[in-house]
Structures are given as C-alpha cells and as structure tokens.
Amino acid sequence: MSAMGKIVVVGIALTYFAITAEASARPIGGSFLGGRPGVGPAGGALFGVEGGWAATLADGGDSGQGAWAFGIRAGYEFANGLEVHVRYDDLGTKPLSSRSPLQFGTVGLRYSVPFLFPMPFAEVDAGPAFVLGDTRFGAGAALGVSFPVVNHLLIDLAGHDWFVPIAGAVRQTLTVGLSLAVTFGGPQ
C-alpha cells in the first residue's frame, strides 16, 4: 500500500474510533490543569498558529534542504477529542529551485486522547500543494502532544510528514513545530 493510502486508512480509522467510542476512562485523582477532570480542554471553534523547522529530503538530482516553516489552522474541536480543521502551511523549502516555497492548503482530522495529560494526538491532512508554479495534491500526517494550559488554551508539540508529487517523484518534507491553539467554546 502506498504512503498516501496508509494516511487515508489511518484517517478513516481515527474517525471511526472517535465517533463510535463510548469509553469513559478517567485518570486517577483530581482534575488536571486546563480542563474538566479527565476530559481535557473545552471544545468549540478553534484557531491555532504554528512555527517550526521543515526539511525536504533529498531525491535524485535535488538536494535536501531545510527552512523555517509556519502554519495556521482553524476548525472545530469536539469534547470527545475529535477535531476537524482547515490549515495553511508554508514549509519554506524550495524544491527543484522553485521561486516560491512549498505550501499546503489542507482539510484535516485530528484525534486527541482527552483523558491523558499531556494529550497525545494523531492527525491527517489532505489538499492542494502549491509548488513550482503549479497546484498538486498533497497530504500529510502528524503525531504530537497537546498541553492544556488553561481551559481554552493549548500548546502543541508535533512532527508532520508531508508528501507531494514533484517532477514525477513523491517528495517528502518533515517538520517539527510548536503551536498555540485557542478554543472558543463555552465554559465546561
């Protein structure tokens, strides 16, 4: 199975688990910083900004390169740990001497384990990638942890793995970033 196929399968599995899971696991003890006892941060509309480092891996005649990257995301986070979002990422690298940096505009799905601290998460994203003056399909997957600071504020540490076809080869760009996300839900 291709890498893109694996990303799609993981996304479908996360969606199925988040929608059908009826587990009521709770951590032992009292509440933890930033949320209700054992539930995590408040759900609701979400806005986040991210900064980090991106490295496009070498392939054939194109050498690897690294650059500062940034991204923004907006969406909705549910109390059960599921989040749907749209995101824009500027990875900063310029594959094959492109005049503009590799960029993604994606729709994504994230599942955070709301009853653990810090909250581990897995994310999948797919949508248009902008490179070499052209638009192509791109996708990515991420693993990370969220630290609820207060009821509506999260700090995320994540690693992303982005894929996009460039000049007949699927190119891979790895990013490591830190983000700040704010939810706009009601008090819980």
Protein backbone atom coordinates (compact mmCIF):
# COMPACT_ATOMS: atom_id res chain seq x y z
CA MET A 1 0.00 0.00 0.00
CA SER A 2 1.32 3.47 -0.87
CA ALA A 3 2.11 6.09 1.78
CA MET A 4 -0.92 8.11 0.67
CA GLY A 5 -3.15 5.06 1.04
CA LYS A 6 -1.85 4.46 4.56
CA ILE A 7 -2.62 8.07 5.50
CA VAL A 8 -6.19 7.69 4.26
CA VAL A 9 -6.66 4.40 6.17
CA VAL A 10 -5.36 5.96 9.40
CA GLY A 11 -7.70 8.94 8.94
CA ILE A 12 -10.73 6.70 8.42
CA ALA A 13 -9.78 4.57 11.44
CA LEU A 14 -9.40 7.66 13.65
CA THR A 15 -12.76 8.99 12.50
CA TYR A 16 -14.49 5.67 13.17
CA PHE A 17 -12.92 5.36 16.64
CA ALA A 18 -13.74 8.94 17.63
CA ILE A 19 -17.37 8.66 16.52
CA THR A 20 -18.14 5.19 17.89
CA ALA A 21 -16.00 5.09 21.05
CA GLU A 22 -18.05 5.04 24.22
CA ALA A 23 -15.14 4.67 26.62
CA SER A 24 -15.43 6.63 29.83
CA ALA A 25 -11.86 6.27 31.04
CA ARG A 26 -10.74 8.84 33.59
CA PRO A 27 -7.34 9.46 35.11
CA ILE A 28 -6.92 8.54 38.74
CA GLY A 29 -7.08 11.56 41.04
CA GLY A 30 -8.49 15.04 40.55
CA SER A 31 -8.66 17.38 37.64
CA PHE A 32 -5.59 18.39 35.67
CA LEU A 33 -4.57 21.84 34.58
CA GLY A 34 -6.60 23.28 31.74
CA GLY A 35 -9.80 21.27 31.69
CA ARG A 36 -12.50 19.33 33.46
CA PRO A 37 -11.50 16.21 35.39
CA GLY A 38 -10.36 13.66 32.84
CA VAL A 39 -11.95 15.34 29.83
CA GLY A 40 -9.38 17.84 28.61
CA PRO A 41 -9.88 21.35 27.29
CA ALA A 42 -13.20 22.93 26.43
CA GLY A 43 -14.50 22.09 22.95
CA GLY A 44 -15.63 24.62 20.38
CA ALA A 45 -14.31 26.69 17.50
CA LEU A 46 -10.53 26.61 17.30
CA PHE A 47 -7.77 28.83 15.93
CA GLY A 48 -4.07 27.95 16.04
CA VAL A 49 -0.70 29.23 14.84
CA GLU A 50 2.42 27.12 14.42
CA GLY A 51 6.11 27.71 13.85
CA GLY A 52 8.88 25.21 13.32
CA TRP A 53 11.58 23.74 11.11
CA ALA A 54 10.99 21.91 7.80
CA ALA A 55 13.40 19.62 5.98
CA THR A 56 12.69 18.42 2.43
CA LEU A 57 14.55 15.15 1.94
CA ALA A 58 16.98 14.74 -0.97
CA ASP A 59 15.72 12.91 -4.06
CA GLY A 60 17.59 12.16 -7.27
CA GLY A 61 19.07 15.37 -8.66
CA ASP A 62 17.58 17.63 -6.00
CA SER A 63 19.47 18.02 -2.73
CA GLY A 64 17.77 18.13 0.64
CA GLN A 65 17.15 21.48 2.27
CA GLY A 66 15.77 22.99 5.45
CA ALA A 67 13.94 26.19 6.28
CA TRP A 68 11.77 27.82 8.89
CA ALA A 69 8.10 26.95 8.48
CA PHE A 70 4.84 28.38 9.75
CA GLY A 71 1.18 27.45 9.61
CA ILE A 72 -2.28 28.40 10.77
CA ARG A 73 -5.34 26.26 11.36
CA ALA A 74 -9.00 26.91 12.10
CA GLY A 75 -11.73 24.42 12.83
CA TYR A 76 -13.87 22.85 15.49
CA GLU A 77 -12.78 20.70 18.41
CA PHE A 78 -15.31 18.32 19.96
CA ALA A 79 -15.26 17.35 23.65
CA ASN A 80 -14.61 13.69 22.70
CA GLY A 81 -11.17 14.59 21.28
CA LEU A 82 -12.06 14.79 17.58
CA GLU A 83 -11.10 17.94 15.68
CA VAL A 84 -11.86 18.92 12.08
CA HIS A 85 -9.93 21.81 10.59
CA VAL A 86 -8.58 23.63 7.58
CA ARG A 87 -4.94 24.63 7.62
CA TYR A 88 -2.39 26.56 5.61
CA ASP A 89 1.29 25.63 5.88
CA ASP A 90 4.25 27.42 4.33
CA LEU A 91 7.10 24.91 4.64
CA GLY A 92 9.74 27.40 3.50
CA THR A 93 11.72 24.91 1.38
CA LYS A 94 12.02 25.40 -2.39
CA PRO A 95 12.24 22.01 -4.15
CA LEU A 96 13.92 21.94 -7.60
CA SER A 97 14.91 25.62 -7.32
CA SER A 98 11.31 26.78 -7.19
CA ARG A 99 10.85 30.55 -6.89
CA SER A 100 8.27 30.12 -4.15
CA PRO A 101 8.29 27.92 -1.05
CA LEU A 102 6.37 24.65 -0.79
CA GLN A 103 2.90 25.45 0.57
CA PHE A 104 -0.16 23.39 1.52
CA GLY A 105 -3.83 24.32 1.94
CA THR A 106 -5.47 21.27 3.53
CA VAL A 107 -8.51 19.90 5.28
CA GLY A 108 -7.65 17.74 8.24
CA LEU A 109 -8.82 15.50 11.01
CA ARG A 110 -7.15 15.16 14.42
CA TYR A 111 -7.90 12.88 17.33
CA SER A 112 -6.52 13.77 20.76
CA VAL A 113 -6.81 11.40 23.71
CA PRO A 114 -8.74 13.74 26.06
CA PHE A 115 -8.29 11.75 29.27
CA LEU A 116 -4.47 11.73 29.31
CA PHE A 117 -2.08 14.51 30.23
CA PRO A 118 -0.33 15.57 28.11
CA MET A 119 -2.87 14.69 25.41
CA PRO A 120 -1.27 12.64 22.59
CA PHE A 121 -2.76 13.17 19.14
CA ALA A 122 -2.65 11.88 15.59
CA GLU A 123 -3.62 14.00 12.60
CA VAL A 124 -4.13 13.56 8.86
CA ASP A 125 -4.38 16.36 6.29
CA ALA A 126 -5.00 16.41 2.54
CA GLY A 127 -5.50 19.07 -0.09
CA PRO A 128 -3.75 21.21 -2.67
CA ALA A 129 0.02 21.73 -2.53
CA PHE A 130 1.49 24.75 -4.28
CA VAL A 131 4.95 24.22 -5.79
CA LEU A 132 6.83 25.17 -8.98
CA GLY A 133 4.01 27.49 -10.02
CA ASP A 134 1.58 24.57 -10.11
CA THR A 135 -1.09 23.05 -7.87
CA ARG A 136 -0.83 19.36 -6.98
CA PHE A 137 -2.46 17.00 -4.49
CA GLY A 138 -0.56 16.80 -1.22
CA ALA A 139 -1.12 15.04 2.07
CA GLY A 140 0.44 14.78 5.48
CA ALA A 141 0.25 13.00 8.79
CA ALA A 142 1.31 14.16 12.24
CA LEU A 143 1.92 12.84 15.73
CA GLY A 144 2.30 15.04 18.77
CA VAL A 145 1.20 16.02 22.23
CA SER A 146 -1.04 18.85 23.45
CA PHE A 147 -0.56 20.56 26.77
CA PRO A 148 -3.77 22.20 28.04
CA VAL A 149 -2.59 25.41 29.74
CA VAL A 150 -5.97 26.80 30.74
CA ASN A 151 -9.50 25.80 29.77
CA HIS A 152 -9.32 27.36 26.27
CA LEU A 153 -5.59 27.35 25.52
CA LEU A 154 -3.39 24.51 24.21
CA ILE A 155 0.31 24.29 23.40
CA ASP A 156 1.13 21.55 20.86
CA LEU A 157 4.44 19.92 20.02
CA ALA A 158 4.14 17.98 16.76
CA GLY A 159 6.03 16.30 13.97
CA HIS A 160 4.47 16.34 10.48
CA ASP A 161 5.34 14.23 7.46
CA TRP A 162 4.21 15.90 4.21
CA PHE A 163 4.06 14.26 0.76
CA VAL A 164 3.67 15.92 -2.66
CA PRO A 165 4.49 14.72 -6.20
CA ILE A 166 7.20 16.89 -7.81
CA ALA A 167 8.75 16.14 -11.21
CA GLY A 168 7.50 12.55 -11.28
CA ALA A 169 8.58 11.62 -7.73
CA VAL A 170 6.76 11.82 -4.42
CA ARG A 171 8.79 14.22 -2.28
CA GLN A 172 8.78 14.04 1.50
CA THR A 173 9.15 17.01 3.84
CA LEU A 174 9.42 16.53 7.60
CA THR A 175 8.52 19.31 10.02
CA VAL A 176 8.82 19.75 13.78
CA GLY A 177 6.85 22.58 15.28
CA LEU A 178 5.36 24.22 18.32
CA SER A 179 1.87 25.70 18.12
CA LEU A 180 -0.54 27.69 20.22
CA ALA A 181 -4.27 26.95 19.83
CA VAL A 182 -7.26 28.74 21.35
CA THR A 183 -10.76 27.25 21.55
CA PHE A 184 -13.82 29.48 21.68
CA GLY A 185 -16.34 27.11 23.28
CA GLY A 186 -18.42 27.80 26.32
CA PRO A 187 -17.24 27.00 29.85
CA GLN A 188 -17.31 23.33 30.78
